Structures are given as structure tokens and as C-alpha cells.
């Protein structure tokens, strides 16, 4: 268990939202954290997340001209 300190305004908003949703403040916070985590997971996979993954790829370590010639020669 952890104790959080929030502003009086945030506490008031939390209380109002919890009453509107018919849940406790604790349940509402847990639900919001869960939804936020799911949203973050949905948005992961952005291009910046893949930085460095292709560093060992032949496309970046070999001669681009040699790779192109090899691809063209596949049909010979």
C-alpha cells in the first residue's frame, strides 16, 4: 500500500468522479491506472521504439550495392 498526496482540488474531483461511477476513490484510481497502462501499450510500437534494432542487419553492415546485385541475381 502506498499513500499519495494530491491537491484539494484533485481530491474533490476524485471524490465527485468516484461518486458518479459508484465506486470508491481507490477503485477509481486503480481503474484509471489500468486504462492508462493499456493506452500506453496500444501506442507502443512507434518508430522511435525500434531505434537500434536494425543495427546488426546486413542492410546496414554490408555494401548496399552488393545487396542490390545479390537481389537482382536471385532471378538468374
PDB file of N, CA and C in Angstrom:
ATOM      1  N   UNK A   1       0.842  -1.167   0.000  1.00  0.00           N
ATOM      2  CA  UNK A   1       0.000   0.000   0.000  1.00  0.00           C
ATOM      3  C   UNK A   1       0.890   1.233   0.000  1.00  0.00           C
ATOM      4  N   UNK A   2       0.404   2.262  -0.693  1.00  0.00           N
ATOM      5  CA  UNK A   2       1.170   3.498  -0.792  1.00  0.00           C
ATOM      6  C   UNK A   2       0.227   4.667  -0.526  1.00  0.00           C
ATOM      7  N   UNK A   3       0.720   5.681   0.118  1.00  0.00           N
ATOM      8  CA  UNK A   3      -0.059   6.880   0.381  1.00  0.00           C
ATOM      9  C   UNK A   3       0.330   7.945  -0.631  1.00  0.00           C
ATOM     10  N   UNK A   4      -0.674   8.549  -1.247  1.00  0.00           N
ATOM     11  CA  UNK A   4      -0.435   9.597  -2.229  1.00  0.00           C
ATOM     12  C   UNK A   4      -0.935  10.928  -1.690  1.00  0.00           C
ATOM     13  N   UNK A   5      -0.211  11.971  -1.978  1.00  0.00           N
ATOM     14  CA  UNK A   5      -0.668  13.301  -1.615  1.00  0.00           C
ATOM     15  C   UNK A   5      -1.079  14.023  -2.886  1.00  0.00           C
ATOM     16  N   UNK A   6      -2.330  14.481  -2.918  1.00  0.00           N
ATOM     17  CA  UNK A   6      -2.824  15.218  -4.075  1.00  0.00           C
ATOM     18  C   UNK A   6      -3.428  16.525  -3.574  1.00  0.00           C
ATOM     19  N   UNK A   7      -3.605  17.451  -4.480  1.00  0.00           N
ATOM     20  CA  UNK A   7      -4.160  18.751  -4.105  1.00  0.00           C
ATOM     21  C   UNK A   7      -5.622  18.585  -3.675  1.00  0.00           C
ATOM     22  N   UNK A   8      -6.113  19.565  -2.954  1.00  0.00           N
ATOM     23  CA  UNK A   8      -7.513  19.541  -2.520  1.00  0.00           C
ATOM     24  C   UNK A   8      -8.460  19.514  -3.724  1.00  0.00           C
ATOM     25  N   UNK A   9      -8.093  20.240  -4.771  1.00  0.00           N
ATOM     26  CA  UNK A   9      -8.924  20.265  -5.980  1.00  0.00           C
ATOM     27  C   UNK A   9      -8.979  18.882  -6.634  1.00  0.00           C
ATOM     28  N   UNK A  10      -7.824  18.240  -6.738  1.00  0.00           N
ATOM     29  CA  UNK A  10      -7.785  16.895  -7.325  1.00  0.00           C
ATOM     30  C   UNK A  10      -8.559  15.911  -6.454  1.00  0.00           C
ATOM     31  N   UNK A  11      -8.444  16.044  -5.142  1.00  0.00           N
ATOM     32  CA  UNK A  11      -9.168  15.162  -4.225  1.00  0.00           C
ATOM     33  C   UNK A  11     -10.673  15.356  -4.370  1.00  0.00           C
ATOM     34  N   UNK A  12     -11.094  16.590  -4.530  1.00  0.00           N
ATOM     35  CA  UNK A  12     -12.507  16.879  -4.724  1.00  0.00           C
ATOM     36  C   UNK A  12     -13.010  16.285  -6.038  1.00  0.00           C
ATOM     37  N   UNK A  13     -12.236  16.465  -7.101  1.00  0.00           N
ATOM     38  CA  UNK A  13     -12.603  15.882  -8.402  1.00  0.00           C
ATOM     39  C   UNK A  13     -12.664  14.363  -8.328  1.00  0.00           C
ATOM     40  N   UNK A  14     -11.700  13.773  -7.650  1.00  0.00           N
ATOM     41  CA  UNK A  14     -11.673  12.320  -7.484  1.00  0.00           C
ATOM     42  C   UNK A  14     -12.916  11.832  -6.751  1.00  0.00           C
ATOM     43  N   UNK A  15     -13.264  12.518  -5.692  1.00  0.00           N
ATOM     44  CA  UNK A  15     -14.431  12.142  -4.911  1.00  0.00           C
ATOM     45  C   UNK A  15     -15.714  12.241  -5.749  1.00  0.00           C
ATOM     46  N   UNK A  16     -15.845  13.327  -6.506  1.00  0.00           N
ATOM     47  CA  UNK A  16     -17.029  13.507  -7.354  1.00  0.00           C
ATOM     48  C   UNK A  16     -17.114  12.435  -8.432  1.00  0.00           C
ATOM     49  N   UNK A  17     -15.982  12.143  -9.079  1.00  0.00           N
ATOM     50  CA  UNK A  17     -15.967  11.109 -10.116  1.00  0.00           C
ATOM     51  C   UNK A  17     -16.287   9.734  -9.537  1.00  0.00           C
ATOM     52  N   UNK A  18     -15.740   9.448  -8.382  1.00  0.00           N
ATOM     53  CA  UNK A  18     -15.985   8.151  -7.741  1.00  0.00           C
ATOM     54  C   UNK A  18     -17.467   8.002  -7.396  1.00  0.00           C
ATOM     55  N   UNK A  19     -18.068   9.066  -6.879  1.00  0.00           N
ATOM     56  CA  UNK A  19     -19.499   9.008  -6.569  1.00  0.00           C
ATOM     57  C   UNK A  19     -20.319   8.815  -7.830  1.00  0.00           C
ATOM     58  N   UNK A  20     -19.957   9.514  -8.893  1.00  0.00           N
ATOM     59  CA  UNK A  20     -20.679   9.402 -10.159  1.00  0.00           C
ATOM     60  C   UNK A  20     -20.583   7.986 -10.727  1.00  0.00           C
ATOM     61  N   UNK A  21     -19.426   7.354 -10.554  1.00  0.00           N
ATOM     62  CA  UNK A  21     -19.206   5.999 -11.079  1.00  0.00           C
ATOM     63  C   UNK A  21     -19.629   4.908 -10.096  1.00  0.00           C
ATOM     64  N   UNK A  22     -20.035   5.313  -8.891  1.00  0.00           N
ATOM     65  CA  UNK A  22     -20.475   4.368  -7.852  1.00  0.00           C
ATOM     66  C   UNK A  22     -19.365   3.380  -7.466  1.00  0.00           C
ATOM     67  N   UNK A  23     -18.164   3.929  -7.328  1.00  0.00           N
ATOM     68  CA  UNK A  23     -17.019   3.140  -6.873  1.00  0.00           C
ATOM     69  C   UNK A  23     -16.277   3.961  -5.827  1.00  0.00           C
ATOM     70  N   UNK A  24     -15.379   3.311  -5.112  1.00  0.00           N
ATOM     71  CA  UNK A  24     -14.562   4.042  -4.140  1.00  0.00           C
ATOM     72  C   UNK A  24     -13.470   4.815  -4.884  1.00  0.00           C
ATOM     73  N   UNK A  25     -12.897   5.777  -4.209  1.00  0.00           N
ATOM     74  CA  UNK A  25     -11.790   6.541  -4.802  1.00  0.00           C
ATOM     75  C   UNK A  25     -10.627   5.623  -5.163  1.00  0.00           C
ATOM     76  N   UNK A  26     -10.369   4.657  -4.296  1.00  0.00           N
ATOM     77  CA  UNK A  26      -9.291   3.703  -4.556  1.00  0.00           C
ATOM     78  C   UNK A  26      -9.555   2.905  -5.820  1.00  0.00           C
ATOM     79  N   UNK A  27     -10.778   2.398  -5.966  1.00  0.00           N
ATOM     80  CA  UNK A  27     -11.135   1.620  -7.162  1.00  0.00           C
ATOM     81  C   UNK A  27     -11.029   2.480  -8.413  1.00  0.00           C
ATOM     82  N   UNK A  28     -11.448   3.734  -8.312  1.00  0.00           N
ATOM     83  CA  UNK A  28     -11.379   4.625  -9.467  1.00  0.00           C
ATOM     84  C   UNK A  28      -9.927   4.878  -9.871  1.00  0.00           C
ATOM     85  N   UNK A  29      -9.067   5.121  -8.913  1.00  0.00           N
ATOM     86  CA  UNK A  29      -7.649   5.332  -9.223  1.00  0.00           C
ATOM     87  C   UNK A  29      -7.056   4.087  -9.879  1.00  0.00           C
ATOM     88  N   UNK A  30      -7.356   2.910  -9.334  1.00  0.00           N
ATOM     89  CA  UNK A  30      -6.844   1.661  -9.916  1.00  0.00           C
ATOM     90  C   UNK A  30      -7.353   1.483 -11.339  1.00  0.00           C
ATOM     91  N   UNK A  31      -8.621   1.804 -11.580  1.00  0.00           N
ATOM     92  CA  UNK A  31      -9.196   1.693 -12.922  1.00  0.00           C
ATOM     93  C   UNK A  31      -8.516   2.664 -13.881  1.00  0.00           C
ATOM     94  N   UNK A  32      -8.311   3.886 -13.432  1.00  0.00           N
ATOM     95  CA  UNK A  32      -7.650   4.875 -14.283  1.00  0.00           C
ATOM     96  C   UNK A  32      -6.216   4.479 -14.611  1.00  0.00           C
ATOM     97  N   UNK A  33      -5.503   3.933 -13.636  1.00  0.00           N
ATOM     98  CA  UNK A  33      -4.127   3.479 -13.879  1.00  0.00           C
ATOM     99  C   UNK A  33      -4.122   2.332 -14.887  1.00  0.00           C
ATOM    100  N   UNK A  34      -5.058   1.404 -14.731  1.00  0.00           N
ATOM    101  CA  UNK A  34      -5.150   0.269 -15.663  1.00  0.00           C
ATOM    102  C   UNK A  34      -5.436   0.760 -17.079  1.00  0.00           C
ATOM    103  N   UNK A  35      -6.399   1.671 -17.226  1.00  0.00           N
ATOM    104  CA  UNK A  35      -6.739   2.196 -18.550  1.00  0.00           C
ATOM    105  C   UNK A  35      -5.566   2.960 -19.155  1.00  0.00           C
ATOM    106  N   UNK A  36      -4.874   3.727 -18.332  1.00  0.00           N
ATOM    107  CA  UNK A  36      -3.725   4.479 -18.832  1.00  0.00           C
ATOM    108  C   UNK A  36      -2.615   3.527 -19.295  1.00  0.00           C
ATOM    109  N   UNK A  37      -2.372   2.471 -18.543  1.00  0.00           N
ATOM    110  CA  UNK A  37      -1.351   1.489 -18.921  1.00  0.00           C
ATOM    111  C   UNK A  37      -1.710   0.815 -20.239  1.00  0.00           C
ATOM    112  N   UNK A  38      -2.991   0.476 -20.409  1.00  0.00           N
ATOM    113  CA  UNK A  38      -3.440  -0.140 -21.660  1.00  0.00           C
ATOM    114  C   UNK A  38      -3.251   0.819 -22.828  1.00  0.00           C
ATOM    115  N   UNK A  39      -3.544   2.081 -22.598  1.00  0.00           N
ATOM    116  CA  UNK A  39      -3.375   3.089 -23.643  1.00  0.00           C
ATOM    117  C   UNK A  39      -1.906   3.220 -24.034  1.00  0.00           C
ATOM    118  N   UNK A  40      -1.028   3.204 -23.058  1.00  0.00           N
ATOM    119  CA  UNK A  40       0.406   3.272 -23.352  1.00  0.00           C
ATOM    120  C   UNK A  40       0.857   2.067 -24.166  1.00  0.00           C
ATOM    121  N   UNK A  41       0.350   0.887 -23.826  1.00  0.00           N
ATOM    122  CA  UNK A  41       0.718  -0.325 -24.577  1.00  0.00           C
ATOM    123  C   UNK A  41       0.207  -0.250 -26.012  1.00  0.00           C
ATOM    124  N   UNK A  42      -0.984   0.307 -26.198  1.00  0.00           N
ATOM    125  CA  UNK A  42      -1.540   0.434 -27.550  1.00  0.00           C
ATOM    126  C   UNK A  42      -0.697   1.352 -28.410  1.00  0.00           C
ATOM    127  N   UNK A  43      -0.129   2.383 -27.793  1.00  0.00           N
ATOM    128  CA  UNK A  43       0.655   3.344 -28.555  1.00  0.00           C
ATOM    129  C   UNK A  43       2.122   2.974 -28.647  1.00  0.00           C
ATOM    130  N   UNK A  44       2.512   1.886 -28.001  1.00  0.00           N
ATOM    131  CA  UNK A  44       3.906   1.471 -28.153  1.00  0.00           C
ATOM    132  C   UNK A  44       4.057   0.896 -29.553  1.00  0.00           C
ATOM    133  N   UNK A  45       5.261   0.729 -29.992  1.00  0.00           N
ATOM    134  CA  UNK A  45       5.489   0.255 -31.350  1.00  0.00           C
ATOM    135  C   UNK A  45       5.697   1.417 -32.305  1.00  0.00           C
ATOM    136  N   UNK A  46       5.942   2.587 -31.769  1.00  0.00           N
ATOM    137  CA  UNK A  46       6.241   3.720 -32.616  1.00  0.00           C
ATOM    138  C   UNK A  46       7.635   3.552 -33.190  1.00  0.00           C
ATOM    139  N   UNK A  47       7.912   4.260 -34.235  1.00  0.00           N
ATOM    140  CA  UNK A  47       9.197   4.136 -34.910  1.00  0.00           C
ATOM    141  C   UNK A  47      10.369   4.324 -33.954  1.00  0.00           C
ATOM    142  N   UNK A  48      10.246   5.254 -33.020  1.00  0.00           N
ATOM    143  CA  UNK A  48      11.349   5.500 -32.088  1.00  0.00           C
ATOM    144  C   UNK A  48      11.617   4.291 -31.189  1.00  0.00           C
ATOM    145  N   UNK A  49      10.613   3.416 -31.000  1.00  0.00           N
ATOM    146  CA  UNK A  49      10.808   2.224 -30.184  1.00  0.00           C
ATOM    147  C   UNK A  49      11.735   1.213 -30.857  1.00  0.00           C
ATOM    148  N   UNK A  50      11.922   1.316 -32.165  1.00  0.00           N
ATOM    149  CA  UNK A  50      12.722   0.357 -32.901  1.00  0.00           C
ATOM    150  C   UNK A  50      14.139   0.848 -33.182  1.00  0.00           C
ATOM    151  N   UNK A  51      14.481   1.987 -32.654  1.00  0.00           N
ATOM    152  CA  UNK A  51      15.815   2.534 -32.876  1.00  0.00           C
ATOM    153  C   UNK A  51      16.869   1.556 -32.387  1.00  0.00           C
ATOM    154  N   UNK A  52      17.810   1.250 -33.237  1.00  0.00           N
ATOM    155  CA  UNK A  52      18.907   0.371 -32.865  1.00  0.00           C
ATOM    156  C   UNK A  52      18.665  -1.097 -33.167  1.00  0.00           C
ATOM    157  N   UNK A  53      17.446  -1.502 -33.413  1.00  0.00           N
ATOM    158  CA  UNK A  53      17.148  -2.915 -33.656  1.00  0.00           C
ATOM    159  C   UNK A  53      17.798  -3.407 -34.940  1.00  0.00           C
ATOM    160  N   UNK A  54      17.847  -2.547 -35.948  1.00  0.00           N
ATOM    161  CA  UNK A  54      18.379  -2.961 -37.243  1.00  0.00           C
ATOM    162  C   UNK A  54      19.891  -2.751 -37.376  1.00  0.00           C
ATOM    163  N   UNK A  55      20.538  -2.354 -36.304  1.00  0.00           N
ATOM    164  CA  UNK A  55      21.968  -2.045 -36.372  1.00  0.00           C
ATOM    165  C   UNK A  55      22.799  -3.219 -36.883  1.00  0.00           C
ATOM    166  N   UNK A  56      22.438  -4.446 -36.546  1.00  0.00           N
ATOM    167  CA  UNK A  56      23.203  -5.609 -36.989  1.00  0.00           C
ATOM    168  C   UNK A  56      22.698  -6.207 -38.293  1.00  0.00           C
ATOM    169  N   UNK A  57      21.712  -5.595 -38.898  1.00  0.00           N
ATOM    170  CA  UNK A  57      21.123  -6.097 -40.139  1.00  0.00           C
ATOM    171  C   UNK A  57      22.114  -5.972 -41.289  1.00  0.00           C
ATOM    172  N   UNK A  58      22.139  -6.965 -42.205  1.00  0.00           N
ATOM    173  CA  UNK A  58      23.031  -6.869 -43.368  1.00  0.00           C
ATOM    174  C   UNK A  58      22.775  -5.607 -44.186  1.00  0.00           C
ATOM    175  N   UNK A  59      21.541  -5.119 -44.145  1.00  0.00           N
ATOM    176  CA  UNK A  59      21.211  -3.916 -44.909  1.00  0.00           C
ATOM    177  C   UNK A  59      22.016  -2.707 -44.442  1.00  0.00           C
ATOM    178  N   UNK A  60      22.494  -2.746 -43.214  1.00  0.00           N
ATOM    179  CA  UNK A  60      23.232  -1.615 -42.675  1.00  0.00           C
ATOM    180  C   UNK A  60      24.709  -1.921 -42.458  1.00  0.00           C
ATOM    181  N   UNK A  61      25.109  -3.193 -42.580  1.00  0.00           N
ATOM    182  CA  UNK A  61      26.507  -3.532 -42.340  1.00  0.00           C
ATOM    183  C   UNK A  61      27.249  -3.907 -43.615  1.00  0.00           C
ATOM    184  N   UNK A  62      26.517  -4.301 -44.650  1.00  0.00           N
ATOM    185  CA  UNK A  62      27.159  -4.682 -45.907  1.00  0.00           C
ATOM    186  C   UNK A  62      27.029  -3.550 -46.919  1.00  0.00           C
ATOM    187  N   UNK A  63      27.672  -3.731 -48.041  1.00  0.00           N
ATOM    188  CA  UNK A  63      27.617  -2.746 -49.116  1.00  0.00           C
ATOM    189  C   UNK A  63      26.216  -2.754 -49.738  1.00  0.00           C
ATOM    190  N   UNK A  64      25.542  -1.616 -49.773  1.00  0.00           N
ATOM    191  CA  UNK A  64      24.208  -1.565 -50.380  1.00  0.00           C
ATOM    192  C   UNK A  64      24.213  -2.024 -51.840  1.00  0.00           C
ATOM    193  N   UNK A  65      25.284  -1.729 -52.567  1.00  0.00           N
ATOM    194  CA  UNK A  65      25.372  -2.144 -53.963  1.00  0.00           C
ATOM    195  C   UNK A  65      25.463  -3.665 -54.073  1.00  0.00           C
ATOM    196  N   UNK A  66      26.235  -4.298 -53.202  1.00  0.00           N
ATOM    197  CA  UNK A  66      26.342  -5.763 -53.214  1.00  0.00           C
ATOM    198  C   UNK A  66      25.000  -6.413 -52.877  1.00  0.00           C
ATOM    199  N   UNK A  67      24.293  -5.853 -51.930  1.00  0.00           N
ATOM    200  CA  UNK A  67      22.970  -6.389 -51.565  1.00  0.00           C
ATOM    201  C   UNK A  67      22.028  -6.265 -52.747  1.00  0.00           C
ATOM    202  N   UNK A  68      22.045  -5.119 -53.423  1.00  0.00           N
ATOM    203  CA  UNK A  68      21.169  -4.903 -54.575  1.00  0.00           C
ATOM    204  C   UNK A  68      21.503  -5.879 -55.708  1.00  0.00           C
ATOM    205  N   UNK A  69      22.786  -6.068 -55.968  1.00  0.00           N
ATOM    206  CA  UNK A  69      23.186  -7.007 -57.027  1.00  0.00           C
ATOM    207  C   UNK A  69      22.751  -8.433 -56.673  1.00  0.00           C
ATOM    208  N   UNK A  70      22.922  -8.815 -55.418  1.00  0.00           N
ATOM    209  CA  UNK A  70      22.521 -10.161 -54.995  1.00  0.00           C
ATOM    210  C   UNK A  70      21.021 -10.358 -55.160  1.00  0.00           C
ATOM    211  N   UNK A  71      20.255  -9.344 -54.851  1.00  0.00           N
ATOM    212  CA  UNK A  71      18.802  -9.453 -55.004  1.00  0.00           C
ATOM    213  C   UNK A  71      18.415  -9.579 -56.471  1.00  0.00           C
ATOM    214  N   UNK A  72      19.079  -8.842 -57.314  1.00  0.00           N
ATOM    215  CA  UNK A  72      18.788  -8.906 -58.756  1.00  0.00           C
ATOM    216  C   UNK A  72      19.188 -10.257 -59.329  1.00  0.00           C
ATOM    217  N   UNK A  73      20.280 -10.829 -58.810  1.00  0.00           N
ATOM    218  CA  UNK A  73      20.777 -12.104 -59.324  1.00  0.00           C
ATOM    219  C   UNK A  73      19.953 -13.296 -58.829  1.00  0.00           C
ATOM    220  N   UNK A  74      19.021 -13.084 -57.909  1.00  0.00           N
ATOM    221  CA  UNK A  74      18.196 -14.189 -57.420  1.00  0.00           C
ATOM    222  C   UNK A  74      17.356 -14.795 -58.531  1.00  0.00           C
ATOM    223  N   UNK A  75      17.032 -14.019 -59.554  1.00  0.00           N
ATOM    224  CA  UNK A  75      16.146 -14.499 -60.623  1.00  0.00           C
ATOM    225  C   UNK A  75      16.920 -15.085 -61.804  1.00  0.00           C
ATOM    226  N   UNK A  76      18.228 -15.066 -61.726  1.00  0.00           N
ATOM    227  CA  UNK A  76      19.016 -15.624 -62.847  1.00  0.00           C
ATOM    228  C   UNK A  76      19.082 -17.113 -62.781  1.00  0.00           C
TER     229      UNK A  76
END
